[in-house]
N, C-alpha and C. Protein backbone atom coordinates (compact mmCIF):
# COMPACT_ATOMS: atom_id res chain seq x y z
N UNK A 1 126.77 84.81 64.99
CA UNK A 1 126.08 85.82 66.00
C UNK A 1 125.72 84.91 67.20
N UNK A 2 125.99 85.52 68.40
CA UNK A 2 125.55 84.77 69.66
C UNK A 2 124.23 85.26 70.15
N UNK A 3 123.69 84.42 70.94
CA UNK A 3 122.44 84.83 71.67
C UNK A 3 122.71 85.07 73.13
N UNK A 4 121.92 85.64 73.86
CA UNK A 4 122.19 85.87 75.36
C UNK A 4 122.61 84.54 76.06
N UNK A 5 122.11 83.36 75.49
CA UNK A 5 122.52 82.10 76.10
C UNK A 5 123.86 81.78 75.72
N UNK A 6 124.29 82.06 74.61
CA UNK A 6 125.80 81.62 74.24
C UNK A 6 126.74 82.68 74.25
N UNK A 7 126.37 83.89 74.68
CA UNK A 7 127.33 84.95 74.84
C UNK A 7 128.41 84.56 75.58
N UNK A 8 128.34 83.90 76.73
CA UNK A 8 129.37 83.51 77.56
C UNK A 8 129.51 82.03 77.38
N UNK A 9 130.72 81.54 77.12
CA UNK A 9 130.90 80.14 76.75
C UNK A 9 130.50 79.26 77.86
N UNK A 10 129.97 78.16 77.64
CA UNK A 10 129.57 77.18 78.62
C UNK A 10 130.86 76.50 79.17
N UNK A 11 130.58 76.06 80.50
CA UNK A 11 131.66 75.46 81.18
C UNK A 11 132.00 74.13 80.42
N UNK A 12 133.11 73.47 80.79
CA UNK A 12 133.51 72.24 80.21
C UNK A 12 132.61 71.19 80.77
N UNK A 13 132.42 70.04 80.21
CA UNK A 13 131.64 68.85 80.89
C UNK A 13 132.22 68.59 82.22
N UNK A 14 133.55 68.61 82.54
CA UNK A 14 134.10 68.19 83.75
C UNK A 14 133.84 69.25 84.75
N UNK A 15 133.81 70.60 84.39
CA UNK A 15 133.50 71.63 85.31
C UNK A 15 131.91 71.52 85.63
N UNK A 16 131.13 71.41 84.71
CA UNK A 16 129.73 71.25 84.93
C UNK A 16 129.42 70.08 85.96
N UNK A 17 130.03 68.89 85.56
CA UNK A 17 129.80 67.76 86.52
C UNK A 17 130.10 68.03 87.94
N UNK A 18 131.32 68.72 88.11
CA UNK A 18 131.91 69.15 89.42
C UNK A 18 130.94 69.98 90.13
N UNK A 19 130.45 71.03 89.36
CA UNK A 19 129.59 72.01 89.96
C UNK A 19 128.26 71.47 90.44
N UNK A 20 127.61 70.71 89.61
CA UNK A 20 126.32 70.20 89.91
C UNK A 20 126.34 68.96 90.92
N UNK A 21 127.45 68.13 90.92
CA UNK A 21 127.64 67.20 91.93
C UNK A 21 127.91 67.84 93.23
N UNK A 22 128.50 68.94 93.17
CA UNK A 22 128.79 69.64 94.53
C UNK A 22 127.58 70.14 95.29
N UNK A 23 126.53 70.49 94.49
CA UNK A 23 125.38 71.02 95.02
C UNK A 23 124.64 69.96 96.03
N UNK A 24 124.89 68.57 95.58
CA UNK A 24 124.27 67.73 96.43
C UNK A 24 124.79 67.47 97.85
N UNK A 25 126.02 68.17 98.04
CA UNK A 25 126.60 68.08 99.29
C UNK A 25 126.09 69.07 100.22
N UNK A 26 125.39 70.08 99.74
CA UNK A 26 124.84 71.31 100.36
C UNK A 26 123.32 71.24 100.38
N UNK A 27 122.59 70.67 99.42
CA UNK A 27 121.22 70.68 99.26
C UNK A 27 120.64 69.35 99.10
N UNK A 28 119.35 69.30 99.51
CA UNK A 28 118.40 68.11 99.14
C UNK A 28 117.18 68.70 98.86
N UNK A 29 116.27 67.94 98.24
CA UNK A 29 114.96 68.50 97.92
C UNK A 29 113.86 67.83 98.83
N UNK A 30 112.61 68.41 98.57
CA UNK A 30 111.54 67.93 99.38
C UNK A 30 111.22 66.50 99.11
N UNK A 31 111.22 66.12 97.91
CA UNK A 31 111.01 64.59 97.64
C UNK A 31 111.89 63.70 98.34
N UNK A 32 113.15 64.07 98.26
CA UNK A 32 114.16 63.21 99.00
C UNK A 32 114.02 63.27 100.54
N UNK A 33 113.70 64.31 101.06
CA UNK A 33 113.30 64.48 102.48
C UNK A 33 112.18 63.72 102.95
N UNK A 34 111.16 63.72 101.95
CA UNK A 34 109.96 62.82 102.29
C UNK A 34 110.27 61.37 102.24
N UNK A 35 111.05 60.93 101.22
CA UNK A 35 111.43 59.56 101.10
C UNK A 35 112.28 59.12 102.34
N UNK A 36 113.16 59.97 102.78
CA UNK A 36 114.03 59.79 103.86
C UNK A 36 113.32 59.67 105.16
N UNK A 37 112.21 60.37 105.38
CA UNK A 37 111.38 60.32 106.50
C UNK A 37 110.49 59.09 106.59
N UNK A 38 110.16 58.59 105.36
CA UNK A 38 109.29 57.43 105.31
C UNK A 38 110.31 56.13 105.63
N UNK A 39 111.40 56.25 105.21
CA UNK A 39 112.43 55.22 105.54
C UNK A 39 112.91 55.38 106.93
N UNK A 40 114.02 54.96 107.18
CA UNK A 40 114.61 55.16 108.58
C UNK A 40 115.53 56.35 108.48
N UNK A 41 115.02 57.52 108.90
CA UNK A 41 115.78 58.82 108.67
C UNK A 41 117.24 58.70 109.34
N UNK A 42 118.18 59.23 108.61
CA UNK A 42 119.50 59.28 109.05
C UNK A 42 119.93 60.81 109.25
N UNK A 43 118.91 61.59 109.51
CA UNK A 43 119.17 63.01 109.61
C UNK A 43 118.08 63.58 110.57
N UNK A 44 118.45 64.78 111.18
CA UNK A 44 117.28 65.55 111.99
C UNK A 44 116.93 66.69 111.07
N UNK A 45 115.60 66.68 110.92
CA UNK A 45 114.92 67.71 110.07
C UNK A 45 114.69 68.85 110.88
N UNK A 46 115.12 70.15 110.73
CA UNK A 46 114.88 71.23 111.55
C UNK A 46 114.10 72.34 110.74
N UNK A 47 112.89 72.72 111.40
CA UNK A 47 112.32 73.82 110.87
C UNK A 47 112.90 75.06 111.66
N UNK A 48 113.52 75.87 110.92
CA UNK A 48 114.22 77.10 111.43
C UNK A 48 113.36 78.27 111.65
N UNK A 49 112.03 78.18 111.52
CA UNK A 49 111.13 79.32 111.63
C UNK A 49 110.83 79.54 113.11
N UNK A 50 109.98 80.50 113.26
CA UNK A 50 109.56 80.87 114.68
C UNK A 50 108.62 79.77 115.16
N UNK A 51 108.34 79.64 116.46
CA UNK A 51 107.46 78.71 117.14
C UNK A 51 106.06 78.86 116.60
N UNK A 52 105.60 80.14 116.37
CA UNK A 52 104.23 80.39 115.95
C UNK A 52 104.09 79.91 114.52
N UNK A 53 105.12 80.11 113.61
CA UNK A 53 105.00 79.50 112.25
C UNK A 53 104.92 78.05 112.28
N UNK A 54 105.82 77.42 113.13
CA UNK A 54 105.88 76.02 113.26
C UNK A 54 104.47 75.41 113.62
N UNK A 55 103.84 75.98 114.64
CA UNK A 55 102.58 75.44 115.09
C UNK A 55 101.45 75.59 114.00
N UNK A 56 101.62 76.67 113.19
CA UNK A 56 100.57 76.79 112.06
C UNK A 56 100.73 75.67 110.95
N UNK A 57 101.90 75.12 110.86
CA UNK A 57 102.17 74.13 109.96
C UNK A 57 103.65 73.84 109.58
N UNK A 58 104.02 72.57 109.74
CA UNK A 58 105.33 72.19 109.62
C UNK A 58 105.37 70.81 108.96
N UNK A 59 106.61 70.47 108.45
CA UNK A 59 106.74 69.18 107.84
C UNK A 59 106.82 68.21 109.04
N UNK A 60 105.91 67.05 108.82
CA UNK A 60 105.81 65.97 109.77
C UNK A 60 107.32 65.42 110.06
N UNK A 61 107.38 65.33 111.32
CA UNK A 61 108.77 64.79 111.81
C UNK A 61 109.85 65.75 111.92
N UNK A 62 109.54 67.12 111.71
CA UNK A 62 110.56 68.20 112.08
C UNK A 62 110.59 68.56 113.39
N UNK A 63 111.72 69.02 113.81
CA UNK A 63 111.75 69.58 115.20
C UNK A 63 111.97 71.19 114.95
N UNK A 64 111.49 71.94 115.85
CA UNK A 64 111.51 73.45 115.74
C UNK A 64 112.60 73.95 116.42
N UNK A 65 113.61 74.39 115.79
CA UNK A 65 114.87 75.08 116.35
C UNK A 65 114.92 76.30 115.66
N UNK A 66 114.35 77.44 115.95
CA UNK A 66 114.47 78.73 115.27
C UNK A 66 115.90 79.09 115.16
N UNK A 67 116.35 79.63 113.88
CA UNK A 67 117.75 79.77 113.58
C UNK A 67 118.48 80.69 114.56
N UNK A 68 117.70 81.69 115.14
CA UNK A 68 118.24 82.59 116.16
C UNK A 68 118.67 81.96 117.53
N UNK A 69 118.10 80.68 117.72
CA UNK A 69 118.32 80.02 119.07
C UNK A 69 119.49 78.88 118.89
N UNK A 70 119.95 78.75 117.71
CA UNK A 70 120.96 77.66 117.46
C UNK A 70 122.26 78.19 118.17
N UNK A 71 122.60 77.57 119.29
CA UNK A 71 123.96 77.94 120.03
C UNK A 71 124.56 76.65 120.47
N UNK A 72 125.76 76.62 120.86
CA UNK A 72 126.28 75.36 121.45
C UNK A 72 125.43 74.88 122.64
N UNK A 73 125.04 75.73 123.44
CA UNK A 73 124.12 75.25 124.54
C UNK A 73 122.91 74.54 124.11
N UNK A 74 122.19 75.19 123.10
CA UNK A 74 120.85 74.53 122.67
C UNK A 74 121.03 73.33 121.81
N UNK A 75 122.15 73.23 121.33
CA UNK A 75 122.40 71.99 120.48
C UNK A 75 123.26 70.90 121.15
N UNK A 76 123.75 71.17 122.27
CA UNK A 76 124.41 70.16 123.11
C UNK A 76 123.96 68.79 123.31
N UNK A 77 122.72 68.50 123.13
CA UNK A 77 122.10 67.19 123.09
C UNK A 77 122.39 66.43 121.91
N UNK A 78 122.78 66.92 120.96
CA UNK A 78 123.01 66.18 119.57
C UNK A 78 124.48 65.84 119.45
N UNK A 79 124.76 64.51 119.14
CA UNK A 79 126.08 64.07 118.91
C UNK A 79 126.77 64.86 117.69
N UNK A 80 128.17 64.89 117.68
CA UNK A 80 128.79 65.62 116.67
C UNK A 80 128.56 65.18 115.27
N UNK A 81 128.17 63.80 115.17
CA UNK A 81 128.01 63.18 113.87
C UNK A 81 126.64 63.34 113.29
N UNK A 82 125.76 64.06 113.95
CA UNK A 82 124.46 64.40 113.49
C UNK A 82 124.37 65.17 112.19
N UNK A 83 123.59 64.63 111.21
CA UNK A 83 123.45 65.35 110.02
C UNK A 83 122.04 66.02 110.15
N UNK A 84 122.01 67.43 109.96
CA UNK A 84 120.77 68.23 110.01
C UNK A 84 120.39 68.65 108.56
N UNK A 85 119.13 68.64 108.40
CA UNK A 85 118.49 69.10 107.11
C UNK A 85 117.73 70.21 107.60
N UNK A 86 117.89 71.53 107.16
CA UNK A 86 117.18 72.71 107.55
C UNK A 86 116.22 73.10 106.60
N UNK A 87 115.17 73.81 106.91
CA UNK A 87 114.25 74.42 106.09
C UNK A 87 113.63 75.69 106.72
N UNK A 88 113.17 76.46 105.91
CA UNK A 88 112.38 77.65 106.36
C UNK A 88 111.16 77.79 105.55
N UNK A 89 110.62 79.01 105.33
CA UNK A 89 109.31 79.26 104.70
C UNK A 89 109.45 78.92 103.08
N UNK A 90 110.47 79.31 102.44
CA UNK A 90 110.55 79.02 101.04
C UNK A 90 111.73 79.71 100.40
N UNK A 91 111.77 79.88 99.15
CA UNK A 91 112.94 80.54 98.43
C UNK A 91 113.09 81.90 98.69
N UNK A 92 112.14 82.61 99.06
CA UNK A 92 112.14 84.07 99.41
C UNK A 92 112.63 84.30 100.88
N UNK A 93 113.03 83.26 101.59
CA UNK A 93 113.44 83.39 102.97
C UNK A 93 114.78 82.84 103.18
N UNK A 94 115.79 83.40 103.95
CA UNK A 94 117.05 82.94 104.22
C UNK A 94 117.28 82.42 105.50
N UNK A 95 116.10 82.09 106.21
CA UNK A 95 116.24 81.61 107.52
C UNK A 95 116.90 80.04 107.49
N UNK A 96 116.77 79.28 106.50
CA UNK A 96 117.30 77.96 106.41
C UNK A 96 118.96 78.21 106.30
N UNK A 97 119.27 79.17 105.39
CA UNK A 97 120.68 79.40 105.26
C UNK A 97 121.32 79.95 106.72
N UNK A 98 120.68 80.76 107.30
CA UNK A 98 121.10 81.13 108.69
C UNK A 98 121.37 80.07 109.64
N UNK A 99 120.29 79.17 109.63
CA UNK A 99 120.36 77.95 110.42
C UNK A 99 121.57 77.14 110.03
N UNK A 100 121.75 77.02 108.70
CA UNK A 100 122.95 76.07 108.28
C UNK A 100 124.30 76.83 108.67
N UNK A 101 124.33 78.10 108.65
CA UNK A 101 125.61 78.75 109.02
C UNK A 101 125.86 78.52 110.51
N UNK A 102 124.87 78.57 111.28
CA UNK A 102 125.04 78.44 112.72
C UNK A 102 125.35 77.06 113.10
N UNK A 103 124.68 76.03 112.45
CA UNK A 103 124.98 74.56 112.65
C UNK A 103 126.37 74.37 112.17
N UNK A 104 126.80 74.69 111.05
CA UNK A 104 128.20 74.51 110.51
C UNK A 104 129.20 75.15 111.44
N UNK A 105 128.95 76.35 112.08
CA UNK A 105 129.93 76.90 112.89
C UNK A 105 130.11 76.11 114.19
N UNK A 106 129.13 75.26 114.44
CA UNK A 106 129.18 74.41 115.66
C UNK A 106 129.76 73.06 115.17
N UNK A 107 130.20 73.03 114.08
CA UNK A 107 130.87 71.78 113.46
C UNK A 107 129.86 70.54 113.29
N UNK A 108 128.61 70.89 113.01
CA UNK A 108 127.63 69.96 112.48
C UNK A 108 127.61 69.91 111.00
N UNK A 109 127.37 68.76 110.54
CA UNK A 109 127.03 68.62 109.08
C UNK A 109 125.61 69.08 108.72
N UNK A 110 125.38 69.74 107.64
CA UNK A 110 124.11 70.30 107.46
C UNK A 110 123.77 70.42 105.95
N UNK A 111 122.63 70.12 105.60
CA UNK A 111 122.05 70.49 104.24
C UNK A 111 120.87 71.28 104.28
N UNK A 112 120.43 72.02 103.29
CA UNK A 112 119.34 72.71 103.07
C UNK A 112 118.19 71.98 102.45
N UNK A 113 117.05 71.98 102.74
CA UNK A 113 115.99 71.46 102.00
C UNK A 113 115.48 72.62 101.13
N UNK A 114 115.84 72.60 99.83
CA UNK A 114 115.43 73.70 98.89
C UNK A 114 113.92 73.74 98.75
N UNK A 115 113.42 74.90 98.67
CA UNK A 115 111.98 75.09 98.54
C UNK A 115 111.28 75.34 99.80
N UNK A 116 111.82 74.88 100.92
CA UNK A 116 111.14 74.99 102.23
C UNK A 116 109.75 74.53 102.25
N UNK A 117 108.94 75.29 103.06
CA UNK A 117 107.47 74.86 103.12
C UNK A 117 106.83 75.03 101.85
N UNK A 118 107.12 76.03 101.11
CA UNK A 118 106.63 76.34 99.76
C UNK A 118 106.85 75.18 98.80
N UNK A 119 108.06 74.66 98.77
CA UNK A 119 108.41 73.49 97.97
C UNK A 119 107.63 72.19 98.46
N UNK A 120 107.60 72.16 99.74
CA UNK A 120 106.89 70.96 100.25
C UNK A 120 105.51 70.83 99.94
N UNK A 121 104.78 71.99 99.99
CA UNK A 121 103.38 72.19 99.54
C UNK A 121 103.27 71.86 98.11
N UNK A 122 104.26 72.54 97.29
CA UNK A 122 104.16 72.35 95.86
C UNK A 122 104.30 70.92 95.38
N UNK A 123 104.95 70.12 96.22
CA UNK A 123 105.15 68.72 95.88
C UNK A 123 103.82 67.89 96.21
N UNK A 124 102.95 68.52 96.93
CA UNK A 124 101.70 67.88 97.29
C UNK A 124 101.76 67.22 98.60
N UNK A 125 102.74 67.41 99.41
CA UNK A 125 102.95 66.76 100.79
C UNK A 125 102.06 67.62 101.76
N UNK A 126 101.66 66.86 102.78
CA UNK A 126 100.86 67.51 103.82
C UNK A 126 101.73 68.13 104.88
N UNK A 127 101.25 69.09 105.63
CA UNK A 127 101.84 69.60 106.78
C UNK A 127 101.13 69.11 108.01
N UNK A 128 101.87 69.15 109.15
CA UNK A 128 101.18 68.82 110.45
C UNK A 128 101.10 70.13 111.19
N UNK A 129 100.09 70.11 112.09
CA UNK A 129 99.85 71.43 112.87
C UNK A 129 100.14 71.14 114.28
N UNK A 130 100.45 72.19 115.05
CA UNK A 130 100.63 72.06 116.41
C UNK A 130 102.08 72.03 116.87
N UNK A 131 102.40 71.99 118.16
CA UNK A 131 103.75 72.00 118.66
C UNK A 131 104.17 70.58 119.12
N UNK A 132 103.63 69.63 118.76
CA UNK A 132 103.87 68.24 119.16
C UNK A 132 105.29 67.92 118.81
N UNK A 133 105.85 68.41 117.87
CA UNK A 133 107.33 68.05 117.43
C UNK A 133 108.19 69.12 117.87
N UNK A 134 107.90 69.93 118.92
CA UNK A 134 108.78 70.89 119.27
C UNK A 134 110.11 70.54 119.61
N UNK A 135 111.00 71.50 119.62
CA UNK A 135 112.40 71.16 119.93
C UNK A 135 112.64 70.31 121.08
N UNK A 136 113.22 69.23 120.94
CA UNK A 136 113.54 68.22 121.93
C UNK A 136 114.65 68.79 122.87
N UNK A 137 114.95 68.69 124.49
CA UNK A 137 116.16 68.81 125.28
C UNK A 137 116.24 67.51 125.58
N UNK A 138 96.70 70.87 103.39
CA UNK A 138 96.96 72.26 103.04
C UNK A 138 96.64 73.17 104.18
N UNK A 139 97.89 73.75 105.01
CA UNK A 139 97.90 74.59 106.21
C UNK A 139 97.86 76.02 105.86
N UNK A 140 97.33 76.81 106.87
CA UNK A 140 97.34 78.20 106.62
C UNK A 140 98.78 78.86 106.57
N UNK A 141 98.98 79.90 105.94
CA UNK A 141 100.23 80.47 105.76
C UNK A 141 100.48 81.44 106.92
N UNK A 142 101.65 81.63 107.45
CA UNK A 142 102.05 82.62 108.39
C UNK A 142 103.43 83.02 108.24
N UNK A 143 103.62 84.21 108.50
CA UNK A 143 105.14 84.71 108.21
C UNK A 143 106.10 83.81 109.05
N UNK A 144 107.28 83.60 108.44
CA UNK A 144 108.03 82.59 109.10
C UNK A 144 108.73 83.13 110.32
N UNK A 145 108.76 84.35 110.60
CA UNK A 145 109.32 84.99 111.80
C UNK A 145 110.84 85.06 111.92
N UNK A 146 111.39 85.03 110.71
CA UNK A 146 112.83 85.11 110.59
C UNK A 146 113.25 86.50 110.73
């Protein structure tokens, strides 16, 4: 007799390995982003939320590029080899995915920081406030503006 867990057969170990290894090509987590920012970052961290949400609290070192503003013109200052890591408010928001789609459509490499601001805070990391890290040419919660 099967349980809801075993009702559908599990993938083979090779399939499982391929599936989970593939996730790392598209995603990174808050702890890895934090470690990367403390080292010599080889990526640009993009807060894809509104300017108002960014000012209320954002990951230190992030630049604010709201996903709706990502175009060839606004991204023209970044070399084609740039790796972007995008985040939004958290798992209940798809702003980071929207930013990833726009960046990839412009031929940039991109990963999503899973968890977004919610994950960052859950890890115990601090937020920075203000617009000091605005788009180049424990914080209060605010709607992400997506």
